[in-house]
Amino acid sequence: MYDERVKKKEPVINVGIIDGKSPVEAELEGEFKVGPSVTLSGKISVFNSSGVIFLKEEKSGKTLKSPLIRLNGGSASKFKLFKVVIGKGFHWERHEDLWFKGNLIFKARDDGTLVAINEIHVEEYLKSVISSEMNPTAPFEFLKAHAIMSRSWLLSSLEREKGTRQGQMFINDHQADELVRWYEREDHDIYQICADDHCQRYQGISQVFSKDAVTAVLETKGCVLKYGGNICDTRYSKCCGGYTEVFSTAWADKDVAYLKNIYDGEKGPPVPCGEEKWGEWFLSRPDVYCNTEDERLLSTILKDYDRETKGFFRWKVEYRREEIEGLIEEKTGIDIGELIELIPVKRGPSGRIYSLKVTGSKKEIKVGKELEIRRILSKSHLLSSAFTIKHAYDRRGKLEKVTLFGGGWGHGVGLCQIGAAVMAKRGFNAEEILSHYFSGTKIEKLY
């Protein structure tokens, strides 16, 4: 299944767990070394004062200060960080106390905030990622596919880091009536990746590591997807809604050969053409992998907080006109006056809108890309930008409410997590799952 050539050693990475909070409370279990002579354990508090970190060990009162403090943990040591934000900016955002293995690094920012970083080997990181992104009780071949995909995304990101840094947000509002933004992988300055959905979910060893999750990482150790000799930038989302999306709908205006528009099933109809056909599509329930209402299966696939999101394959959101006006002003700072209509201008091949015309009594604007549309039409995010729009008017012909009938959860590019898990449940192996979502790729062992 895999190319067995060994090319390099397993990397060690720096993952930003907390960024901005000061003070930070932590608990050290086992011994952690700071330099050659200082050993810490138990509860500690850490804060940034004018660019200098002060660390205090609770039981001894011992205090350390430096712009950077590195705590090296032994093989049996672990640490807990309190009130870590997960799902930041999304509708499931919350705080949790999380345990981690590896080393713990604190860095001070000049603005008085603080960063807590976990230094850890890639394979240990991945055991947590596939147990954090999805339920580790998911089908085994899905877990293997996810391990290869998550490793590929990570190592591809590290390769890109060596070149031109991407930046977090791209803005094109050179025209007064157009607001186009897309959000790439965050351009982290003092660590390589973050621990949340903006990169990959990484919630340390607090997650339940099933035997299958650990075995999936071990059996695929060092394996990545490659296309044209390069490690693939393997994007993924929770549920594509029937068709996967192309890269340019969500991010830069370029094509990525292995991130194609794919029907998430055995055989599919032609991609809908025109708003009427898309309206029919979003009101239908096609026979695709990610169209499942099997609660027992979903309970083995999704994390508890993900299962709080119901009806993600097909969904409906209804707004009063005034609600949309308020959301648009809150998110963009633009007063459009009374909303007249929302009109899709450009859709990707999965039906995701990446240019939306908003017409108001005072102003007309175009908004894109897909995530920005999701942001301005929700307090947090719409599940996706794949939706059809129904306007309802009062007896005087004035817009009264808007209803969105949508499909899918996330940007839809690359692998569909729900669809991939269902494929595994139906007997597809990891290689077949990855080939379905990432056309023309091959698996290669790097170390």
Protein backbone atom coordinates (compact mmCIF):
# COMPACT_ATOMS: atom_id res chain seq x y z
CA MET A 1 0.00 0.00 0.00
CA TYR A 2 2.78 2.42 0.87
CA ASP A 3 6.12 3.33 -0.69
CA GLU A 4 8.53 2.10 1.99
CA ARG A 5 11.48 4.41 1.19
CA VAL A 6 12.68 6.16 4.33
CA LYS A 7 13.84 9.70 3.64
CA LYS A 8 14.02 11.70 6.87
CA LYS A 9 13.48 11.65 10.61
CA GLU A 10 10.22 12.35 12.37
CA PRO A 11 9.89 16.12 12.93
CA VAL A 12 9.27 17.90 16.22
CA ILE A 13 6.73 20.73 16.04
CA ASN A 14 5.64 23.72 18.11
CA VAL A 15 1.86 24.00 18.63
CA GLY A 16 0.35 27.21 20.04
CA ILE A 17 -2.22 26.20 22.67
CA ILE A 18 -2.97 29.58 24.30
CA ASP A 19 -2.20 32.90 22.63
CA GLY A 20 -3.13 36.22 24.21
CA LYS A 21 -4.23 35.24 27.68
CA SER A 22 -2.33 36.46 30.74
CA PRO A 23 -2.09 35.12 33.36
CA VAL A 24 -2.09 31.41 32.46
CA GLU A 25 -2.74 28.75 35.09
CA ALA A 26 -1.18 25.32 34.65
CA GLU A 27 -0.56 22.11 36.56
CA LEU A 28 2.58 20.00 36.14
CA GLU A 29 2.39 16.29 36.85
CA GLY A 30 5.83 14.74 37.16
CA GLU A 31 9.04 16.74 36.98
CA PHE A 32 9.73 19.51 34.50
CA LYS A 33 13.25 20.90 34.10
CA VAL A 34 14.02 24.56 33.50
CA GLY A 35 17.66 24.71 32.55
CA PRO A 36 20.18 22.40 34.24
CA SER A 37 19.29 23.08 37.87
CA VAL A 38 15.61 24.07 38.32
CA THR A 39 12.85 21.46 38.68
CA LEU A 40 9.16 22.38 38.84
CA SER A 41 6.02 20.42 39.65
CA GLY A 42 2.45 21.00 40.80
CA LYS A 43 0.44 24.13 40.06
CA ILE A 44 2.06 27.17 38.49
CA SER A 45 0.84 30.62 37.44
CA VAL A 46 2.46 32.54 34.61
CA PHE A 47 2.00 36.16 33.52
CA ASN A 48 3.58 38.72 31.25
CA SER A 49 4.73 42.03 32.71
CA SER A 50 6.24 44.49 30.20
CA GLY A 51 7.59 41.74 27.98
CA VAL A 52 9.00 39.64 30.83
CA ILE A 53 7.43 36.33 31.90
CA PHE A 54 7.02 35.70 35.62
CA LEU A 55 6.41 32.07 36.59
CA LYS A 56 5.48 31.14 40.16
CA GLU A 57 5.39 27.61 41.55
CA GLU A 58 2.48 27.47 43.99
CA LYS A 59 3.79 24.96 46.58
CA SER A 60 7.25 26.51 47.03
CA GLY A 61 6.67 30.11 46.03
CA LYS A 62 9.66 29.79 43.70
CA THR A 63 9.61 32.50 41.00
CA LEU A 64 11.32 32.57 37.61
CA LYS A 65 11.46 35.45 35.16
CA SER A 66 12.59 35.66 31.54
CA PRO A 67 11.22 36.68 28.11
CA LEU A 68 11.03 32.94 27.39
CA ILE A 69 10.67 30.03 29.81
CA ARG A 70 11.04 26.45 28.59
CA LEU A 71 9.85 23.51 30.71
CA ASN A 72 11.26 20.17 29.55
CA GLY A 73 9.08 17.24 30.58
CA GLY A 74 10.18 13.65 31.02
CA SER A 75 8.61 10.69 29.22
CA ALA A 76 6.15 10.15 32.08
CA SER A 77 5.39 13.84 32.67
CA LYS A 78 2.33 15.74 31.54
CA PHE A 79 0.86 19.19 32.05
CA LYS A 80 -2.62 20.70 32.21
CA LEU A 81 -3.53 24.13 30.86
CA PHE A 82 -6.69 25.65 32.32
CA LYS A 83 -9.45 27.35 30.33
CA VAL A 84 -8.15 26.66 26.84
CA VAL A 85 -10.43 28.09 24.15
CA ILE A 86 -11.61 25.50 21.62
CA GLY A 87 -13.72 26.25 18.55
CA LYS A 88 -12.63 29.89 18.70
CA GLY A 89 -15.04 32.10 16.74
CA PHE A 90 -17.32 29.20 15.82
CA HIS A 91 -20.76 28.37 17.17
CA TRP A 92 -19.40 25.61 19.45
CA GLU A 93 -16.76 27.83 21.14
CA ARG A 94 -16.07 26.96 24.78
CA HIS A 95 -13.34 26.72 27.43
CA GLU A 96 -11.85 23.43 28.58
CA ASP A 97 -9.01 22.28 30.85
CA LEU A 98 -6.70 20.13 28.72
CA TRP A 99 -3.76 17.80 29.45
CA PHE A 100 -0.70 17.55 27.19
CA LYS A 101 2.54 15.57 26.90
CA GLY A 102 5.90 16.90 25.74
CA ASN A 103 7.57 20.20 26.56
CA LEU A 104 5.86 23.46 27.58
CA ILE A 105 7.20 26.82 26.42
CA PHE A 106 6.01 30.26 27.51
CA LYS A 107 6.80 33.33 25.41
CA ALA A 108 5.98 36.96 26.11
CA ARG A 109 4.54 39.30 23.51
CA ASP A 110 5.37 43.00 23.54
CA ASP A 111 1.69 43.90 23.96
CA GLY A 112 1.55 42.22 27.37
CA THR A 113 -0.08 38.99 26.24
CA LEU A 114 1.30 35.52 26.68
CA VAL A 115 1.74 32.41 24.53
CA ALA A 116 1.78 28.82 25.77
CA ILE A 117 3.36 26.38 23.31
CA ASN A 118 3.53 22.58 23.30
CA GLU A 119 6.66 21.09 21.72
CA ILE A 120 5.91 17.54 20.61
CA HIS A 121 6.80 14.90 18.02
CA VAL A 122 4.54 14.73 14.96
CA GLU A 123 3.25 11.22 15.57
CA GLU A 124 2.24 11.96 19.18
CA TYR A 125 0.54 15.12 17.93
CA LEU A 126 -1.41 13.10 15.35
CA LYS A 127 -2.75 10.62 17.91
CA SER A 128 -4.45 13.60 19.51
CA VAL A 129 -5.54 15.25 16.25
CA ILE A 130 -7.52 12.29 14.95
CA SER A 131 -9.01 11.84 18.42
CA SER A 132 -9.87 15.57 18.60
CA GLU A 133 -11.17 16.15 15.07
CA MET A 134 -13.43 13.11 15.20
CA ASN A 135 -14.52 10.47 17.69
CA PRO A 136 -11.73 7.87 18.09
CA THR A 137 -14.40 5.14 18.00
CA ALA A 138 -14.97 5.92 14.29
CA PRO A 139 -14.36 3.15 11.72
CA PHE A 140 -10.71 2.07 11.67
CA GLU A 141 -10.03 2.66 7.95
CA PHE A 142 -11.42 6.18 8.34
CA LEU A 143 -9.01 6.82 11.23
CA LYS A 144 -6.12 5.59 9.07
CA ALA A 145 -7.20 7.85 6.20
CA HIS A 146 -7.50 10.79 8.60
CA ALA A 147 -4.04 10.13 10.04
CA ILE A 148 -2.45 10.21 6.56
CA MET A 149 -4.46 13.30 5.60
CA SER A 150 -3.70 15.21 8.82
CA ARG A 151 0.00 14.34 8.58
CA SER A 152 0.02 15.52 4.96
CA TRP A 153 -1.67 18.82 5.81
CA LEU A 154 0.78 19.43 8.65
CA LEU A 155 3.98 18.60 6.75
CA SER A 156 2.75 20.52 3.71
CA SER A 157 2.19 23.53 5.98
CA LEU A 158 5.72 23.23 7.37
CA GLU A 159 7.12 23.06 3.82
CA ARG A 160 5.20 26.21 2.85
CA GLU A 161 6.56 27.92 5.95
CA LYS A 162 10.03 27.71 4.44
CA GLY A 163 8.90 29.83 1.51
CA THR A 164 6.72 32.91 1.36
CA ARG A 165 4.60 33.30 4.48
CA GLN A 166 0.93 33.32 3.63
CA GLY A 167 -0.71 35.60 6.12
CA GLN A 168 -3.98 34.97 7.91
CA MET A 169 -6.43 37.12 5.98
CA PHE A 170 -6.51 38.43 2.43
CA ILE A 171 -8.63 41.48 1.74
CA ASN A 172 -9.78 42.97 -1.53
CA ASP A 173 -11.92 46.00 -0.82
CA HIS A 174 -10.32 48.36 -3.32
CA GLN A 175 -13.80 49.07 -4.57
CA ALA A 176 -16.19 50.80 -2.20
CA ASP A 177 -19.01 48.41 -3.10
CA GLU A 178 -17.04 45.17 -2.81
CA LEU A 179 -15.80 43.30 0.26
CA VAL A 180 -13.84 40.16 -0.59
CA ARG A 181 -11.93 38.30 2.12
CA TRP A 182 -10.56 34.82 2.57
CA TYR A 183 -8.84 33.34 5.54
CA GLU A 184 -5.81 31.14 5.00
CA ARG A 185 -3.95 29.10 7.58
CA GLU A 186 -2.94 31.56 10.24
CA ASP A 187 0.51 33.02 9.74
CA HIS A 188 1.74 32.25 13.24
CA ASP A 189 4.82 34.20 14.14
CA ILE A 190 6.27 32.38 17.14
CA TYR A 191 4.90 28.85 16.71
CA GLN A 192 4.24 26.72 13.67
CA ILE A 193 0.55 25.84 14.00
CA CYS A 194 -2.30 26.51 16.41
CA ALA A 195 -4.34 23.89 18.27
CA ASP A 196 -7.79 24.86 17.02
CA ASP A 197 -10.03 24.50 13.96
CA HIS A 198 -8.14 27.29 12.13
CA CYS A 199 -5.33 24.72 11.73
CA GLN A 200 -6.26 21.27 13.07
CA ARG A 201 -7.98 20.40 16.32
CA TYR A 202 -5.36 19.31 18.84
CA GLN A 203 -6.64 18.83 22.36
CA GLY A 204 -3.74 16.91 23.86
CA ILE A 205 -4.12 13.70 25.82
CA SER A 206 -7.40 14.85 27.38
CA GLN A 207 -9.08 13.17 24.43
CA VAL A 208 -9.90 9.48 24.69
CA PHE A 209 -7.23 7.66 22.70
CA SER A 210 -8.89 4.44 21.60
CA LYS A 211 -6.70 1.50 20.63
CA ASP A 212 -7.83 2.00 17.03
CA ALA A 213 -6.82 5.68 17.01
CA VAL A 214 -3.31 4.90 18.26
CA THR A 215 -2.96 1.92 15.89
CA ALA A 216 -4.12 4.04 12.93
CA VAL A 217 -1.26 6.48 13.55
CA LEU A 218 1.30 3.72 14.17
CA GLU A 219 0.34 1.75 11.05
CA THR A 220 0.60 4.84 8.84
CA LYS A 221 3.70 6.33 10.51
CA GLY A 222 5.41 8.83 8.22
CA CYS A 223 2.92 8.27 5.39
CA VAL A 224 1.66 11.26 3.39
CA LEU A 225 -0.25 11.96 0.20
CA LYS A 226 1.82 13.28 -2.69
CA TYR A 227 0.94 14.76 -6.06
CA GLY A 228 3.57 15.60 -8.64
CA GLY A 229 6.32 14.89 -6.11
CA ASN A 230 5.01 17.35 -3.52
CA ILE A 231 3.24 16.72 -0.23
CA CYS A 232 -0.45 17.52 -0.66
CA ASP A 233 -2.20 20.39 1.09
CA THR A 234 -5.01 18.07 2.17
CA ARG A 235 -7.93 20.31 3.12
CA TYR A 236 -11.03 18.81 4.73
CA SER A 237 -14.36 19.80 6.23
CA LYS A 238 -17.12 18.17 8.23
CA CYS A 239 -19.78 17.56 5.56
CA CYS A 240 -19.65 18.52 1.87
CA GLY A 241 -23.42 18.26 1.38
CA GLY A 242 -23.23 16.14 -1.77
CA TYR A 243 -20.48 17.74 -3.86
CA THR A 244 -16.98 18.70 -2.77
CA GLU A 245 -15.78 22.20 -3.59
CA VAL A 246 -12.73 23.52 -5.45
CA PHE A 247 -9.91 25.45 -3.77
CA SER A 248 -10.57 28.81 -5.44
CA THR A 249 -14.09 29.09 -4.02
CA ALA A 250 -12.73 29.35 -0.48
CA TRP A 251 -9.21 30.77 -0.91
CA ALA A 252 -6.90 32.22 -3.57
CA ASP A 253 -7.97 32.31 -7.22
CA LYS A 254 -6.01 29.27 -8.30
CA ASP A 255 -6.70 25.63 -9.06
CA VAL A 256 -5.20 22.76 -7.08
CA ALA A 257 -5.18 19.65 -9.23
CA TYR A 258 -6.10 17.16 -6.49
CA LEU A 259 -8.80 19.35 -4.89
CA LYS A 260 -11.53 18.80 -7.46
CA ASN A 261 -15.31 18.95 -7.50
CA ILE A 262 -16.40 15.39 -6.72
CA TYR A 263 -19.84 13.86 -6.27
CA ASP A 264 -19.82 12.25 -2.83
CA GLY A 265 -21.32 8.96 -3.94
CA GLU A 266 -21.11 6.18 -6.48
CA LYS A 267 -22.79 7.94 -9.40
CA GLY A 268 -24.21 11.40 -9.51
CA PRO A 269 -26.34 13.74 -11.57
CA PRO A 270 -24.78 16.65 -13.45
CA VAL A 271 -23.88 19.66 -11.32
CA PRO A 272 -27.02 21.86 -11.11
CA CYS A 273 -27.08 24.87 -13.42
CA GLY A 274 -28.97 28.03 -12.48
CA GLU A 275 -30.63 29.21 -9.29
CA GLU A 276 -33.78 27.19 -9.82
CA LYS A 277 -31.83 23.94 -10.08
CA TRP A 278 -29.72 24.80 -7.03
CA GLY A 279 -32.94 25.48 -5.15
CA GLU A 280 -34.15 21.99 -6.03
CA TRP A 281 -30.79 20.50 -5.01
CA PHE A 282 -30.81 22.03 -1.53
CA LEU A 283 -34.34 20.80 -0.95
CA SER A 284 -33.40 17.26 -1.99
CA ARG A 285 -31.62 14.45 -0.16
CA PRO A 286 -29.40 12.76 -2.77
CA ASP A 287 -27.90 9.32 -2.23
CA VAL A 288 -24.42 10.40 -1.18
CA TYR A 289 -22.06 9.14 1.52
CA CYS A 290 -22.46 12.15 3.83
CA ASN A 291 -26.27 11.92 3.74
CA THR A 292 -26.75 9.82 6.85
CA GLU A 293 -29.26 10.05 9.65
CA ASP A 294 -27.90 6.97 11.43
CA GLU A 295 -27.54 8.39 14.95
CA ARG A 296 -25.70 5.31 16.13
CA LEU A 297 -23.11 5.74 13.40
CA LEU A 298 -22.87 9.50 13.97
CA SER A 299 -22.27 8.90 17.68
CA THR A 300 -19.19 6.84 16.78
CA ILE A 301 -17.93 9.52 14.36
CA LEU A 302 -18.63 12.93 15.91
CA LYS A 303 -17.37 14.49 19.13
CA ASP A 304 -20.00 15.35 21.76
CA TYR A 305 -19.96 19.08 20.96
CA ASP A 306 -20.19 18.40 17.22
CA ARG A 307 -23.33 16.32 17.80
CA GLU A 308 -24.94 19.46 19.21
CA THR A 309 -25.13 20.63 15.58
CA LYS A 310 -28.20 18.96 14.12
CA GLY A 311 -29.31 18.67 10.51
CA PHE A 312 -25.99 19.58 8.92
CA PHE A 313 -26.57 17.71 5.63
CA ARG A 314 -29.63 19.84 4.89
CA TRP A 315 -30.51 22.83 7.05
CA LYS A 316 -32.74 25.88 7.21
CA VAL A 317 -32.17 29.33 8.74
CA GLU A 318 -34.82 32.05 8.86
CA TYR A 319 -34.18 35.76 9.53
CA ARG A 320 -36.32 38.84 9.87
CA ARG A 321 -35.15 41.59 7.53
CA GLU A 322 -33.98 43.72 10.46
CA GLU A 323 -31.81 40.88 11.78
CA ILE A 324 -29.83 40.67 8.54
CA GLU A 325 -29.41 44.44 8.41
CA GLY A 326 -28.01 44.36 11.94
CA LEU A 327 -25.66 41.46 11.23
CA ILE A 328 -24.24 43.13 8.12
CA GLU A 329 -23.58 46.40 9.92
CA GLU A 330 -22.08 44.58 12.92
CA LYS A 331 -19.75 42.45 10.80
CA THR A 332 -18.78 44.97 8.08
CA GLY A 333 -19.41 48.39 9.59
CA ILE A 334 -21.58 49.21 6.57
CA ASP A 335 -25.11 50.59 6.92
CA ILE A 336 -26.98 49.31 3.86
CA GLY A 337 -30.28 50.82 5.00
CA GLU A 338 -33.33 48.60 4.55
CA LEU A 339 -32.46 45.26 2.98
CA ILE A 340 -34.10 44.77 -0.41
CA GLU A 341 -32.63 41.44 -1.51
CA LEU A 342 -29.75 38.94 -1.34
CA ILE A 343 -28.65 37.62 -4.73
CA PRO A 344 -26.02 34.91 -5.41
CA VAL A 345 -23.59 36.25 -8.03
CA LYS A 346 -21.06 33.39 -8.20
CA ARG A 347 -21.28 29.81 -6.99
CA GLY A 348 -18.64 27.11 -6.89
CA PRO A 349 -19.43 23.68 -8.34
CA SER A 350 -20.71 22.39 -4.96
CA GLY A 351 -23.24 25.23 -4.87
CA ARG A 352 -21.26 27.25 -2.33
CA ILE A 353 -21.72 30.97 -2.95
CA TYR A 354 -18.47 32.92 -3.13
CA SER A 355 -19.91 36.21 -4.33
CA LEU A 356 -23.15 37.51 -2.82
CA LYS A 357 -24.85 40.78 -3.80
CA VAL A 358 -26.52 42.58 -0.90
CA THR A 359 -28.90 45.31 -2.00
CA GLY A 360 -30.12 47.86 0.52
CA SER A 361 -31.99 51.15 0.31
CA LYS A 362 -28.77 53.09 1.05
CA LYS A 363 -26.07 50.90 -0.46
CA GLU A 364 -25.39 47.83 -2.56
CA ILE A 365 -22.33 45.69 -1.82
CA LYS A 366 -20.83 42.41 -3.00
CA VAL A 367 -19.45 40.09 -0.34
CA GLY A 368 -17.07 37.12 -0.70
CA LYS A 369 -15.55 34.61 -0.33
CA GLU A 370 -17.42 31.71 1.23
CA LEU A 371 -16.35 32.18 4.84
CA GLU A 372 -16.98 35.92 4.78
CA ILE A 373 -20.51 35.26 3.52
CA ARG A 374 -21.00 32.78 6.36
CA ARG A 375 -19.72 35.35 8.85
CA ILE A 376 -21.95 38.25 7.82
CA LEU A 377 -25.12 36.14 7.84
CA SER A 378 -24.71 34.72 11.34
CA LYS A 379 -23.66 35.70 14.85
CA SER A 380 -20.81 33.20 14.48
CA HIS A 381 -20.87 31.28 11.17
CA LEU A 382 -23.47 29.74 8.93
CA LEU A 383 -22.83 26.04 8.54
CA SER A 384 -21.80 26.69 4.92
CA SER A 385 -22.30 29.12 2.06
CA ALA A 386 -24.12 26.41 0.08
CA PHE A 387 -27.69 27.66 0.23
CA THR A 388 -30.61 28.92 -1.80
CA ILE A 389 -32.47 32.09 -0.77
CA LYS A 390 -36.21 32.63 -0.41
CA HIS A 391 -37.49 36.18 0.11
CA ALA A 392 -40.87 36.75 1.76
CA TYR A 393 -42.73 40.06 1.36
CA ASP A 394 -45.61 41.67 3.23
CA ARG A 395 -48.83 42.89 1.56
CA ARG A 396 -47.18 46.16 0.58
CA GLY A 397 -44.38 44.33 -1.25
CA LYS A 398 -41.80 45.16 1.42
CA LEU A 399 -39.24 42.50 2.34
CA GLU A 400 -40.27 40.88 5.61
CA LYS A 401 -38.04 37.85 6.08
CA VAL A 402 -35.38 35.77 4.35
CA THR A 403 -35.06 31.99 4.57
CA LEU A 404 -31.89 30.13 3.65
CA PHE A 405 -32.15 26.46 2.67
CA GLY A 406 -28.66 25.04 2.80
CA GLY A 407 -26.50 21.96 2.66
CA GLY A 408 -23.25 20.83 4.24
CA TRP A 409 -21.01 21.95 7.07
CA GLY A 410 -17.77 23.77 6.29
CA HIS A 411 -15.97 24.92 3.16
CA GLY A 412 -16.42 21.55 1.44
CA VAL A 413 -12.92 21.43 -0.10
CA GLY A 414 -11.08 18.10 -0.12
CA LEU A 415 -12.16 15.28 2.17
CA CYS A 416 -15.68 15.18 3.61
CA GLN A 417 -15.25 13.76 7.11
CA ILE A 418 -18.79 12.41 7.45
CA GLY A 419 -18.69 10.97 3.93
CA ALA A 420 -15.29 9.37 4.50
CA ALA A 421 -16.44 7.74 7.74
CA VAL A 422 -19.53 6.34 6.01
CA MET A 423 -17.31 5.00 3.21
CA ALA A 424 -15.19 3.18 5.80
CA LYS A 425 -18.35 1.80 7.40
CA ARG A 426 -19.35 0.42 3.99
CA GLY A 427 -16.04 -1.40 3.54
CA PHE A 428 -13.76 1.05 1.70
CA ASN A 429 -10.15 1.05 2.90
CA ALA A 430 -8.04 4.12 3.70
CA GLU A 431 -6.37 4.22 0.31
CA GLU A 432 -9.71 4.05 -1.53
CA ILE A 433 -11.16 6.80 0.67
CA LEU A 434 -8.22 9.13 0.04
CA SER A 435 -8.27 8.40 -3.70
CA HIS A 436 -11.96 9.31 -3.82
CA TYR A 437 -11.44 12.76 -2.32
CA PHE A 438 -7.90 13.58 -3.54
CA SER A 439 -7.78 12.55 -7.20
CA GLY A 440 -4.47 11.44 -8.68
CA THR A 441 -2.55 11.34 -5.40
CA LYS A 442 -0.40 8.52 -4.06
CA ILE A 443 0.71 7.52 -0.59
CA GLU A 444 4.41 7.73 0.18
CA LYS A 445 6.34 6.97 3.40
CA LEU A 446 8.67 9.83 4.41
CA TYR A 447 10.16 8.33 7.61
